[in-house]
């Protein structure tokens, strides 16, 4: 890898962020299928890369505004397993944003099949764990995703 090469952050398709993921051996259990907690890591990675594509980086939010995102609530529904070497996509859609909350829907897909669905709420908090409104630049970027 050259010095100017960067890892992929996925892309937006029709307002939905899409992150490609490959299933590695480390992601699987003894049966060769993705261990359930692996899907949580995939979803977290996809949310981080979606924000990165919007110009929002966790380290900068913390350094400049002293705030960061936490998962406040999450519902997960498992439909089918992913297996070693599968090529997956994590689709992340912003459902709503207000004050210090951001509601997202995420799906992990293999081809056209939905394997796992997430419905979650993120909150913007200070280092002390207190809710705080999004910084203006973050709020503007997120607002663009929630417009019809």
C-alpha atoms as a PDB file:
ATOM      1  CA  UNK A   1       0.000   0.000   0.000  1.00  0.00           C
ATOM      2  CA  UNK A   2       1.368   3.411  -0.886  1.00  0.00           C
ATOM      3  CA  UNK A   3       1.439   6.343   1.510  1.00  0.00           C
ATOM      4  CA  UNK A   4      -1.450   8.080  -0.266  1.00  0.00           C
ATOM      5  CA  UNK A   5      -3.730   4.997  -0.372  1.00  0.00           C
ATOM      6  CA  UNK A   6      -6.715   5.078   1.994  1.00  0.00           C
ATOM      7  CA  UNK A   7      -9.159   2.331   2.977  1.00  0.00           C
ATOM      8  CA  UNK A   8     -12.579   2.453   1.391  1.00  0.00           C
ATOM      9  CA  UNK A   9     -15.322   4.248   3.264  1.00  0.00           C
ATOM     10  CA  UNK A  10     -18.129   2.960   1.067  1.00  0.00           C
ATOM     11  CA  UNK A  11     -20.448   5.290  -0.825  1.00  0.00           C
ATOM     12  CA  UNK A  12     -23.943   6.746  -0.876  1.00  0.00           C
ATOM     13  CA  UNK A  13     -26.607   5.286  -3.165  1.00  0.00           C
ATOM     14  CA  UNK A  14     -29.913   7.157  -3.203  1.00  0.00           C
ATOM     15  CA  UNK A  15     -29.329   8.573   0.281  1.00  0.00           C
ATOM     16  CA  UNK A  16     -28.279   5.235   1.790  1.00  0.00           C
ATOM     17  CA  UNK A  17     -24.677   4.600   2.745  1.00  0.00           C
ATOM     18  CA  UNK A  18     -23.339   1.255   1.465  1.00  0.00           C
ATOM     19  CA  UNK A  19     -20.203  -0.340   2.925  1.00  0.00           C
ATOM     20  CA  UNK A  20     -18.780  -3.533   1.404  1.00  0.00           C
ATOM     21  CA  UNK A  21     -17.579  -6.107   3.941  1.00  0.00           C
ATOM     22  CA  UNK A  22     -15.805  -9.433   3.416  1.00  0.00           C
ATOM     23  CA  UNK A  23     -16.310 -12.227   5.967  1.00  0.00           C
ATOM     24  CA  UNK A  24     -12.926 -13.317   7.309  1.00  0.00           C
ATOM     25  CA  UNK A  25     -12.032 -16.403   9.328  1.00  0.00           C
ATOM     26  CA  UNK A  26     -11.774 -14.268  12.482  1.00  0.00           C
ATOM     27  CA  UNK A  27     -15.462 -13.292  12.070  1.00  0.00           C
ATOM     28  CA  UNK A  28     -16.753 -16.865  12.169  1.00  0.00           C
ATOM     29  CA  UNK A  29     -17.531 -19.444  14.814  1.00  0.00           C
ATOM     30  CA  UNK A  30     -16.628 -23.154  14.801  1.00  0.00           C
ATOM     31  CA  UNK A  31     -19.385 -23.788  12.242  1.00  0.00           C
ATOM     32  CA  UNK A  32     -17.935 -21.313   9.735  1.00  0.00           C
ATOM     33  CA  UNK A  33     -20.763 -18.793  10.087  1.00  0.00           C
ATOM     34  CA  UNK A  34     -20.510 -15.206  11.324  1.00  0.00           C
ATOM     35  CA  UNK A  35     -20.722 -15.087  15.112  1.00  0.00           C
ATOM     36  CA  UNK A  36     -23.671 -12.896  16.147  1.00  0.00           C
ATOM     37  CA  UNK A  37     -21.474 -10.180  17.709  1.00  0.00           C
ATOM     38  CA  UNK A  38     -19.653  -9.837  14.390  1.00  0.00           C
ATOM     39  CA  UNK A  39     -22.717  -8.170  12.893  1.00  0.00           C
ATOM     40  CA  UNK A  40     -22.537  -5.502  15.614  1.00  0.00           C
ATOM     41  CA  UNK A  41     -18.954  -4.745  14.550  1.00  0.00           C
ATOM     42  CA  UNK A  42     -20.001  -4.568  10.889  1.00  0.00           C
ATOM     43  CA  UNK A  43     -22.807  -2.138  11.762  1.00  0.00           C
ATOM     44  CA  UNK A  44     -20.493   0.024  13.892  1.00  0.00           C
ATOM     45  CA  UNK A  45     -17.906   0.141  11.121  1.00  0.00           C
ATOM     46  CA  UNK A  46     -20.584   1.125   8.593  1.00  0.00           C
ATOM     47  CA  UNK A  47     -21.868   3.965  10.810  1.00  0.00           C
ATOM     48  CA  UNK A  48     -18.338   5.270  11.288  1.00  0.00           C
ATOM     49  CA  UNK A  49     -17.627   5.182   7.547  1.00  0.00           C
ATOM     50  CA  UNK A  50     -20.972   6.830   6.730  1.00  0.00           C
ATOM     51  CA  UNK A  51     -20.037   9.717   9.013  1.00  0.00           C
ATOM     52  CA  UNK A  52     -16.529   9.823   7.524  1.00  0.00           C
ATOM     53  CA  UNK A  53     -18.071  10.181   4.042  1.00  0.00           C
ATOM     54  CA  UNK A  54     -19.988  13.173   5.408  1.00  0.00           C
ATOM     55  CA  UNK A  55     -16.756  14.738   6.668  1.00  0.00           C
ATOM     56  CA  UNK A  56     -17.489  13.841  10.296  1.00  0.00           C
ATOM     57  CA  UNK A  57     -14.686  12.017  12.090  1.00  0.00           C
ATOM     58  CA  UNK A  58     -14.986  10.783  15.659  1.00  0.00           C
ATOM     59  CA  UNK A  59     -11.543  12.001  16.704  1.00  0.00           C
ATOM     60  CA  UNK A  60     -12.197  15.518  15.386  1.00  0.00           C
ATOM     61  CA  UNK A  61     -15.627  15.711  17.037  1.00  0.00           C
ATOM     62  CA  UNK A  62     -14.046  14.786  20.331  1.00  0.00           C
ATOM     63  CA  UNK A  63     -11.070  17.135  19.927  1.00  0.00           C
ATOM     64  CA  UNK A  64     -12.973  20.151  18.540  1.00  0.00           C
ATOM     65  CA  UNK A  65     -16.383  19.876  20.198  1.00  0.00           C
ATOM     66  CA  UNK A  66     -15.745  17.519  23.138  1.00  0.00           C
ATOM     67  CA  UNK A  67     -18.677  15.292  22.098  1.00  0.00           C
ATOM     68  CA  UNK A  68     -19.096  11.823  20.619  1.00  0.00           C
ATOM     69  CA  UNK A  69     -21.781   9.324  19.633  1.00  0.00           C
ATOM     70  CA  UNK A  70     -23.100   6.528  21.832  1.00  0.00           C
ATOM     71  CA  UNK A  71     -25.647   3.838  21.053  1.00  0.00           C
ATOM     72  CA  UNK A  72     -28.675   4.596  23.189  1.00  0.00           C
ATOM     73  CA  UNK A  73     -30.977   1.872  21.885  1.00  0.00           C
ATOM     74  CA  UNK A  74     -30.663  -0.997  19.411  1.00  0.00           C
ATOM     75  CA  UNK A  75     -32.997  -3.677  18.108  1.00  0.00           C
ATOM     76  CA  UNK A  76     -31.540  -6.527  16.048  1.00  0.00           C
ATOM     77  CA  UNK A  77     -33.331  -9.123  13.972  1.00  0.00           C
ATOM     78  CA  UNK A  78     -31.360 -12.046  12.523  1.00  0.00           C
ATOM     79  CA  UNK A  79     -32.762 -13.646   9.352  1.00  0.00           C
ATOM     80  CA  UNK A  80     -30.000 -15.779   7.847  1.00  0.00           C
ATOM     81  CA  UNK A  81     -26.296 -16.452   8.443  1.00  0.00           C
ATOM     82  CA  UNK A  82     -23.307 -15.136   6.535  1.00  0.00           C
ATOM     83  CA  UNK A  83     -20.434 -17.526   5.939  1.00  0.00           C
ATOM     84  CA  UNK A  84     -16.677 -17.435   5.564  1.00  0.00           C
ATOM     85  CA  UNK A  85     -15.572 -15.508   2.438  1.00  0.00           C
ATOM     86  CA  UNK A  86     -19.045 -14.081   1.729  1.00  0.00           C
ATOM     87  CA  UNK A  87     -19.116 -10.606   0.207  1.00  0.00           C
ATOM     88  CA  UNK A  88     -21.602  -8.519   2.172  1.00  0.00           C
ATOM     89  CA  UNK A  89     -22.896  -4.976   2.124  1.00  0.00           C
ATOM     90  CA  UNK A  90     -24.029  -2.965   5.132  1.00  0.00           C
ATOM     91  CA  UNK A  91     -26.704  -0.430   4.190  1.00  0.00           C
ATOM     92  CA  UNK A  92     -27.191   2.492   6.579  1.00  0.00           C
ATOM     93  CA  UNK A  93     -30.143   4.850   6.276  1.00  0.00           C
ATOM     94  CA  UNK A  94     -30.850   7.905   8.423  1.00  0.00           C
ATOM     95  CA  UNK A  95     -34.480   7.837   9.543  1.00  0.00           C
ATOM     96  CA  UNK A  96     -34.599  10.999  11.673  1.00  0.00           C
ATOM     97  CA  UNK A  97     -32.441  13.455  13.566  1.00  0.00           C
ATOM     98  CA  UNK A  98     -33.325  15.914  16.297  1.00  0.00           C
ATOM     99  CA  UNK A  99     -31.510  17.628  19.129  1.00  0.00           C
ATOM    100  CA  UNK A 100     -28.945  15.096  20.311  1.00  0.00           C
ATOM    101  CA  UNK A 101     -30.564  11.993  18.746  1.00  0.00           C
ATOM    102  CA  UNK A 102     -30.072  10.213  15.464  1.00  0.00           C
ATOM    103  CA  UNK A 103     -32.272   7.284  14.416  1.00  0.00           C
ATOM    104  CA  UNK A 104     -30.816   4.873  11.882  1.00  0.00           C
ATOM    105  CA  UNK A 105     -31.817   1.683  10.086  1.00  0.00           C
ATOM    106  CA  UNK A 106     -29.117  -0.735   8.997  1.00  0.00           C
ATOM    107  CA  UNK A 107     -29.238  -3.966   7.030  1.00  0.00           C
ATOM    108  CA  UNK A 108     -26.518  -6.496   6.362  1.00  0.00           C
ATOM    109  CA  UNK A 109     -27.069  -8.012   2.929  1.00  0.00           C
ATOM    110  CA  UNK A 110     -25.636 -10.803   0.856  1.00  0.00           C
ATOM    111  CA  UNK A 111     -26.557 -10.127  -2.738  1.00  0.00           C
ATOM    112  CA  UNK A 112     -30.272  -9.268  -2.512  1.00  0.00           C
ATOM    113  CA  UNK A 113     -30.963 -11.214   0.698  1.00  0.00           C
ATOM    114  CA  UNK A 114     -31.299  -9.356   3.991  1.00  0.00           C
ATOM    115  CA  UNK A 115     -29.362 -11.261   6.660  1.00  0.00           C
ATOM    116  CA  UNK A 116     -29.658  -8.907   9.649  1.00  0.00           C
ATOM    117  CA  UNK A 117     -31.682  -5.775  10.375  1.00  0.00           C
ATOM    118  CA  UNK A 118     -30.847  -3.101  12.954  1.00  0.00           C
ATOM    119  CA  UNK A 119     -32.992  -0.236  14.222  1.00  0.00           C
ATOM    120  CA  UNK A 120     -31.049   2.047  16.524  1.00  0.00           C
ATOM    121  CA  UNK A 121     -30.790   5.415  18.160  1.00  0.00           C
ATOM    122  CA  UNK A 122     -27.496   7.233  18.609  1.00  0.00           C
ATOM    123  CA  UNK A 123     -27.035  10.072  21.052  1.00  0.00           C
ATOM    124  CA  UNK A 124     -24.508  12.891  21.067  1.00  0.00           C
ATOM    125  CA  UNK A 125     -22.930  13.180  24.517  1.00  0.00           C
ATOM    126  CA  UNK A 126     -20.117  15.001  26.292  1.00  0.00           C
ATOM    127  CA  UNK A 127     -17.164  13.231  27.886  1.00  0.00           C
ATOM    128  CA  UNK A 128     -19.172  13.302  31.102  1.00  0.00           C
ATOM    129  CA  UNK A 129     -22.026  11.423  29.422  1.00  0.00           C
ATOM    130  CA  UNK A 130     -24.440  14.353  29.236  1.00  0.00           C
ATOM    131  CA  UNK A 131     -26.570  14.808  26.107  1.00  0.00           C
ATOM    132  CA  UNK A 132     -25.602  17.724  23.895  1.00  0.00           C
ATOM    133  CA  UNK A 133     -26.980  18.991  20.608  1.00  0.00           C
ATOM    134  CA  UNK A 134     -24.981  18.107  17.521  1.00  0.00           C
ATOM    135  CA  UNK A 135     -22.317  20.624  16.526  1.00  0.00           C
ATOM    136  CA  UNK A 136     -23.710  22.847  13.731  1.00  0.00           C
ATOM    137  CA  UNK A 137     -21.577  21.262  10.970  1.00  0.00           C
ATOM    138  CA  UNK A 138     -22.632  17.755  12.022  1.00  0.00           C
ATOM    139  CA  UNK A 139     -26.306  18.752  12.254  1.00  0.00           C
ATOM    140  CA  UNK A 140     -26.188  20.242   8.743  1.00  0.00           C
ATOM    141  CA  UNK A 141     -24.593  17.106   7.244  1.00  0.00           C
ATOM    142  CA  UNK A 142     -27.126  14.837   8.940  1.00  0.00           C
ATOM    143  CA  UNK A 143     -30.066  17.076   7.978  1.00  0.00           C
ATOM    144  CA  UNK A 144     -29.166  16.600   4.315  1.00  0.00           C
ATOM    145  CA  UNK A 145     -29.625  12.845   4.728  1.00  0.00           C
ATOM    146  CA  UNK A 146     -33.035  13.060   6.369  1.00  0.00           C
ATOM    147  CA  UNK A 147     -34.639  15.305   3.737  1.00  0.00           C
ATOM    148  CA  UNK A 148     -37.052  13.559   1.340  1.00  0.00           C
END
